[in-house]
């Protein structure tokens, strides 16, 4: 299964009192009843890169079969030193974020 995605970015916020890391992208899903979610993969390497898994959660009910763009976000509070992000879906590489924006 190929995952269509776009608009990926990663941010480290170092503003005093509001430290966080966030990665976000737009995923095209088959129906509005599917919600994309990014979670930390149990499989990490020894670098400062972060590996995230894309999960597609389907809500109950009847949904139109129409391609829909939805935002998938991962956010963790606190200080971060992430230098890049790799996103995977069922073991297949979806996207890499090489440039992490840092806000002060």
N, C-alpha and C. Protein backbone atom coordinates (compact mmCIF):
# COMPACT_ATOMS: atom_id res chain seq x y z
N UNK A 1 0.84 -1.18 0.00
CA UNK A 1 0.00 0.00 0.00
C UNK A 1 0.89 1.24 0.00
N UNK A 2 0.66 2.13 -0.93
CA UNK A 2 1.41 3.38 -1.01
C UNK A 2 0.67 4.46 -0.24
N UNK A 3 1.40 5.17 0.59
CA UNK A 3 0.83 6.26 1.37
C UNK A 3 1.17 7.58 0.67
N UNK A 4 0.15 8.33 0.31
CA UNK A 4 0.35 9.66 -0.27
C UNK A 4 0.45 10.66 0.86
N UNK A 5 1.50 11.49 0.83
CA UNK A 5 1.67 12.47 1.90
C UNK A 5 2.35 13.72 1.35
N UNK A 6 2.25 14.81 2.12
CA UNK A 6 2.86 16.08 1.70
C UNK A 6 2.97 17.00 2.92
N UNK A 7 3.63 18.13 2.73
CA UNK A 7 3.72 19.20 3.72
C UNK A 7 4.33 18.74 5.05
N UNK A 8 5.36 17.93 5.01
CA UNK A 8 6.00 17.46 6.24
C UNK A 8 6.90 18.54 6.83
N UNK A 9 6.91 18.67 8.15
CA UNK A 9 7.86 19.54 8.83
C UNK A 9 8.07 19.05 10.25
N UNK A 10 9.19 19.47 10.83
CA UNK A 10 9.50 19.15 12.23
C UNK A 10 9.97 20.44 12.89
N UNK A 11 9.62 20.60 14.17
CA UNK A 11 9.94 21.82 14.90
C UNK A 11 10.37 21.50 16.32
N UNK A 12 11.44 22.15 16.76
CA UNK A 12 11.82 22.15 18.16
C UNK A 12 11.54 23.55 18.67
N UNK A 13 10.70 23.66 19.67
CA UNK A 13 10.39 24.96 20.27
C UNK A 13 11.19 25.09 21.56
N UNK A 14 12.07 26.09 21.61
CA UNK A 14 12.89 26.32 22.80
C UNK A 14 12.49 27.61 23.52
N UNK A 15 11.28 28.08 23.26
CA UNK A 15 10.78 29.26 23.96
C UNK A 15 10.64 28.92 25.44
N UNK A 16 11.16 29.75 26.34
CA UNK A 16 11.07 29.46 27.77
C UNK A 16 9.62 29.23 28.21
N UNK A 17 9.43 28.16 28.95
CA UNK A 17 8.10 27.83 29.46
C UNK A 17 7.24 27.03 28.50
N UNK A 18 7.72 26.78 27.28
CA UNK A 18 6.91 26.04 26.30
C UNK A 18 7.81 25.16 25.43
N UNK A 19 8.63 24.32 26.06
CA UNK A 19 9.54 23.45 25.33
C UNK A 19 8.77 22.26 24.74
N UNK A 20 8.94 22.04 23.43
CA UNK A 20 8.32 20.86 22.82
C UNK A 20 9.00 20.54 21.50
N UNK A 21 8.74 19.31 21.02
CA UNK A 21 9.12 18.87 19.69
C UNK A 21 7.86 18.44 18.98
N UNK A 22 7.76 18.77 17.70
CA UNK A 22 6.57 18.39 16.93
C UNK A 22 6.97 18.02 15.51
N UNK A 23 6.33 16.98 14.99
CA UNK A 23 6.46 16.58 13.59
C UNK A 23 5.06 16.46 13.02
N UNK A 24 4.89 16.90 11.78
CA UNK A 24 3.54 16.95 11.23
C UNK A 24 3.58 16.80 9.72
N UNK A 25 2.56 16.18 9.17
CA UNK A 25 2.43 16.04 7.73
C UNK A 25 0.99 15.77 7.35
N UNK A 26 0.68 15.97 6.09
CA UNK A 26 -0.67 15.74 5.57
C UNK A 26 -0.70 14.39 4.86
N UNK A 27 -1.65 13.55 5.27
CA UNK A 27 -1.80 12.20 4.72
C UNK A 27 -3.12 12.14 3.95
N UNK A 28 -3.09 11.55 2.76
CA UNK A 28 -4.32 11.33 2.00
C UNK A 28 -4.87 9.96 2.37
N UNK A 29 -6.08 9.95 2.93
CA UNK A 29 -6.73 8.71 3.37
C UNK A 29 -7.93 8.41 2.48
N UNK A 30 -8.41 7.16 2.52
CA UNK A 30 -9.47 6.71 1.60
C UNK A 30 -10.86 7.22 1.97
N UNK A 31 -11.08 7.49 3.25
CA UNK A 31 -12.39 7.98 3.69
C UNK A 31 -12.20 8.98 4.84
N UNK A 32 -13.19 9.84 5.08
CA UNK A 32 -13.11 10.75 6.22
C UNK A 32 -13.12 10.01 7.55
N UNK A 33 -13.46 8.74 7.57
CA UNK A 33 -13.51 7.96 8.80
C UNK A 33 -12.15 7.42 9.24
N UNK A 34 -11.10 7.70 8.48
CA UNK A 34 -9.75 7.25 8.82
C UNK A 34 -8.97 8.43 9.40
N UNK A 35 -8.35 8.22 10.56
CA UNK A 35 -7.55 9.25 11.21
C UNK A 35 -6.09 8.80 11.27
N UNK A 36 -5.18 9.57 10.64
CA UNK A 36 -3.76 9.23 10.71
C UNK A 36 -3.16 9.72 12.03
N UNK A 37 -2.33 8.88 12.65
CA UNK A 37 -1.70 9.20 13.93
C UNK A 37 -0.22 8.82 13.84
N UNK A 38 0.64 9.69 14.37
CA UNK A 38 2.07 9.40 14.43
C UNK A 38 2.44 9.01 15.86
N UNK A 39 3.15 7.89 16.01
CA UNK A 39 3.60 7.42 17.33
C UNK A 39 5.08 7.06 17.24
N UNK A 40 5.74 7.09 18.39
CA UNK A 40 7.16 6.72 18.43
C UNK A 40 7.29 5.23 18.17
N UNK A 41 8.19 4.89 17.27
CA UNK A 41 8.46 3.49 16.97
C UNK A 41 9.28 2.88 18.09
N UNK A 42 9.01 1.62 18.46
CA UNK A 42 9.85 0.96 19.45
C UNK A 42 11.26 0.71 18.91
N UNK A 43 11.42 0.77 17.61
CA UNK A 43 12.71 0.55 16.96
C UNK A 43 13.37 1.91 16.68
N UNK A 44 14.41 2.24 17.45
CA UNK A 44 15.14 3.50 17.29
C UNK A 44 16.62 3.18 17.07
N UNK A 45 17.32 4.08 16.39
CA UNK A 45 18.77 3.88 16.25
C UNK A 45 19.50 4.73 17.30
N UNK A 46 20.80 4.75 17.26
CA UNK A 46 21.58 5.43 18.29
C UNK A 46 21.87 6.90 17.95
N UNK A 47 21.33 7.39 16.84
CA UNK A 47 21.55 8.78 16.46
C UNK A 47 20.49 9.67 17.13
N UNK A 48 20.52 10.95 16.80
CA UNK A 48 19.50 11.87 17.31
C UNK A 48 18.29 11.93 16.39
N UNK A 49 18.25 11.06 15.37
CA UNK A 49 17.06 10.98 14.52
C UNK A 49 15.95 10.26 15.27
N UNK A 50 14.73 10.59 14.94
CA UNK A 50 13.57 9.98 15.58
C UNK A 50 12.81 9.18 14.53
N UNK A 51 12.47 7.94 14.86
CA UNK A 51 11.67 7.10 13.95
C UNK A 51 10.24 7.10 14.47
N UNK A 52 9.31 7.49 13.60
CA UNK A 52 7.89 7.50 13.94
C UNK A 52 7.15 6.52 13.05
N UNK A 53 6.12 5.91 13.62
CA UNK A 53 5.24 5.00 12.87
C UNK A 53 3.93 5.72 12.59
N UNK A 54 3.47 5.62 11.37
CA UNK A 54 2.17 6.14 10.99
C UNK A 54 1.14 5.04 11.21
N UNK A 55 0.11 5.34 11.99
CA UNK A 55 -0.99 4.41 12.19
C UNK A 55 -2.25 5.04 11.62
N UNK A 56 -3.09 4.22 11.00
CA UNK A 56 -4.36 4.68 10.45
C UNK A 56 -5.48 4.07 11.28
N UNK A 57 -6.17 4.90 12.02
CA UNK A 57 -7.27 4.46 12.89
C UNK A 57 -8.59 4.71 12.17
N UNK A 58 -9.41 3.67 12.08
CA UNK A 58 -10.70 3.78 11.40
C UNK A 58 -11.82 3.86 12.42
N UNK A 59 -12.66 4.88 12.30
CA UNK A 59 -13.79 5.02 13.21
C UNK A 59 -14.95 4.16 12.70
N UNK A 60 -15.82 3.81 13.63
CA UNK A 60 -16.98 2.99 13.27
C UNK A 60 -17.99 3.82 12.50
N UNK A 61 -18.84 3.15 11.77
CA UNK A 61 -19.88 3.83 11.01
C UNK A 61 -19.64 3.72 9.52
N UNK A 62 -20.55 4.31 8.78
CA UNK A 62 -20.49 4.31 7.33
C UNK A 62 -19.88 5.63 6.88
N UNK A 63 -18.89 5.55 6.00
CA UNK A 63 -18.21 6.76 5.51
C UNK A 63 -18.14 6.72 3.99
N UNK A 64 -18.25 7.88 3.38
CA UNK A 64 -18.12 7.97 1.94
C UNK A 64 -16.72 7.55 1.51
N UNK A 65 -16.61 6.91 0.36
CA UNK A 65 -15.32 6.54 -0.19
C UNK A 65 -14.81 7.71 -1.02
N UNK A 66 -14.19 8.66 -0.33
CA UNK A 66 -13.66 9.84 -0.99
C UNK A 66 -12.29 10.16 -0.40
N UNK A 67 -11.31 10.40 -1.28
CA UNK A 67 -9.97 10.71 -0.79
C UNK A 67 -10.01 12.01 0.01
N UNK A 68 -9.41 11.96 1.19
CA UNK A 68 -9.47 13.07 2.13
C UNK A 68 -8.07 13.33 2.69
N UNK A 69 -7.67 14.60 2.71
CA UNK A 69 -6.40 14.97 3.33
C UNK A 69 -6.61 15.25 4.80
N UNK A 70 -5.79 14.59 5.65
CA UNK A 70 -5.86 14.80 7.10
C UNK A 70 -4.45 14.97 7.64
N UNK A 71 -4.34 15.78 8.68
CA UNK A 71 -3.04 16.06 9.28
C UNK A 71 -2.71 15.01 10.35
N UNK A 72 -1.49 14.49 10.28
CA UNK A 72 -0.98 13.58 11.30
C UNK A 72 0.08 14.34 12.09
N UNK A 73 -0.02 14.31 13.41
CA UNK A 73 0.90 15.06 14.26
C UNK A 73 1.46 14.19 15.36
N UNK A 74 2.74 14.39 15.64
CA UNK A 74 3.37 13.83 16.82
C UNK A 74 3.93 15.00 17.61
N UNK A 75 3.68 15.03 18.92
CA UNK A 75 4.20 16.12 19.76
C UNK A 75 4.64 15.55 21.09
N UNK A 76 5.83 15.97 21.53
CA UNK A 76 6.31 15.59 22.86
C UNK A 76 6.76 16.86 23.58
N UNK A 77 6.43 16.93 24.85
CA UNK A 77 6.77 18.10 25.65
C UNK A 77 8.17 17.95 26.23
N UNK A 78 8.83 19.07 26.45
CA UNK A 78 10.16 19.06 27.04
C UNK A 78 11.23 19.36 26.01
N UNK A 79 12.47 19.40 26.49
CA UNK A 79 13.61 19.70 25.63
C UNK A 79 13.84 18.57 24.63
N UNK A 80 14.34 18.93 23.45
CA UNK A 80 14.58 17.93 22.41
C UNK A 80 15.85 18.28 21.64
N UNK A 81 16.54 17.25 21.18
CA UNK A 81 17.73 17.41 20.33
C UNK A 81 17.59 16.63 19.03
N UNK A 82 16.38 16.39 18.58
CA UNK A 82 16.13 15.62 17.36
C UNK A 82 16.74 16.35 16.17
N UNK A 83 17.47 15.62 15.34
CA UNK A 83 18.11 16.21 14.16
C UNK A 83 17.41 15.83 12.85
N UNK A 84 16.55 14.85 12.89
CA UNK A 84 15.82 14.41 11.71
C UNK A 84 14.74 13.42 12.10
N UNK A 85 13.78 13.21 11.20
CA UNK A 85 12.66 12.31 11.49
C UNK A 85 12.44 11.39 10.29
N UNK A 86 12.26 10.11 10.57
CA UNK A 86 11.90 9.14 9.54
C UNK A 86 10.52 8.59 9.87
N UNK A 87 9.61 8.62 8.89
CA UNK A 87 8.24 8.14 9.09
C UNK A 87 8.07 6.85 8.31
N UNK A 88 7.51 5.83 8.99
CA UNK A 88 7.28 4.52 8.40
C UNK A 88 5.82 4.12 8.56
N UNK A 89 5.33 3.32 7.62
CA UNK A 89 3.99 2.73 7.72
C UNK A 89 4.13 1.24 7.41
N UNK A 90 3.87 0.41 8.41
CA UNK A 90 3.98 -1.05 8.27
C UNK A 90 5.34 -1.46 7.69
N UNK A 91 6.40 -0.84 8.21
CA UNK A 91 7.75 -1.18 7.79
C UNK A 91 8.22 -0.51 6.52
N UNK A 92 7.33 0.17 5.82
CA UNK A 92 7.68 0.84 4.57
C UNK A 92 7.97 2.31 4.85
N UNK A 93 9.10 2.79 4.33
CA UNK A 93 9.49 4.19 4.53
C UNK A 93 8.54 5.11 3.77
N UNK A 94 7.98 6.10 4.48
CA UNK A 94 7.04 7.04 3.88
C UNK A 94 7.73 8.36 3.55
N UNK A 95 8.49 8.89 4.51
CA UNK A 95 9.12 10.20 4.31
C UNK A 95 10.23 10.42 5.33
N UNK A 96 11.20 11.26 4.95
CA UNK A 96 12.25 11.70 5.89
C UNK A 96 12.22 13.22 5.97
N UNK A 97 12.30 13.71 7.19
CA UNK A 97 12.41 15.15 7.43
C UNK A 97 13.86 15.39 7.84
N UNK A 98 14.59 16.10 7.01
CA UNK A 98 16.01 16.33 7.27
C UNK A 98 16.26 17.66 7.99
N UNK A 99 15.42 18.66 7.71
CA UNK A 99 15.60 19.99 8.30
C UNK A 99 14.59 20.18 9.43
N UNK A 100 15.08 20.30 10.64
CA UNK A 100 14.24 20.54 11.81
C UNK A 100 14.32 22.02 12.16
N UNK A 101 13.17 22.68 12.13
CA UNK A 101 13.11 24.10 12.45
C UNK A 101 13.24 24.28 13.97
N UNK A 102 14.08 25.21 14.38
CA UNK A 102 14.24 25.50 15.80
C UNK A 102 13.77 26.92 16.07
N UNK A 103 12.82 27.07 16.99
CA UNK A 103 12.32 28.39 17.36
C UNK A 103 12.80 28.72 18.75
N UNK A 104 13.21 29.99 18.94
CA UNK A 104 13.74 30.44 20.23
C UNK A 104 12.83 31.50 20.82
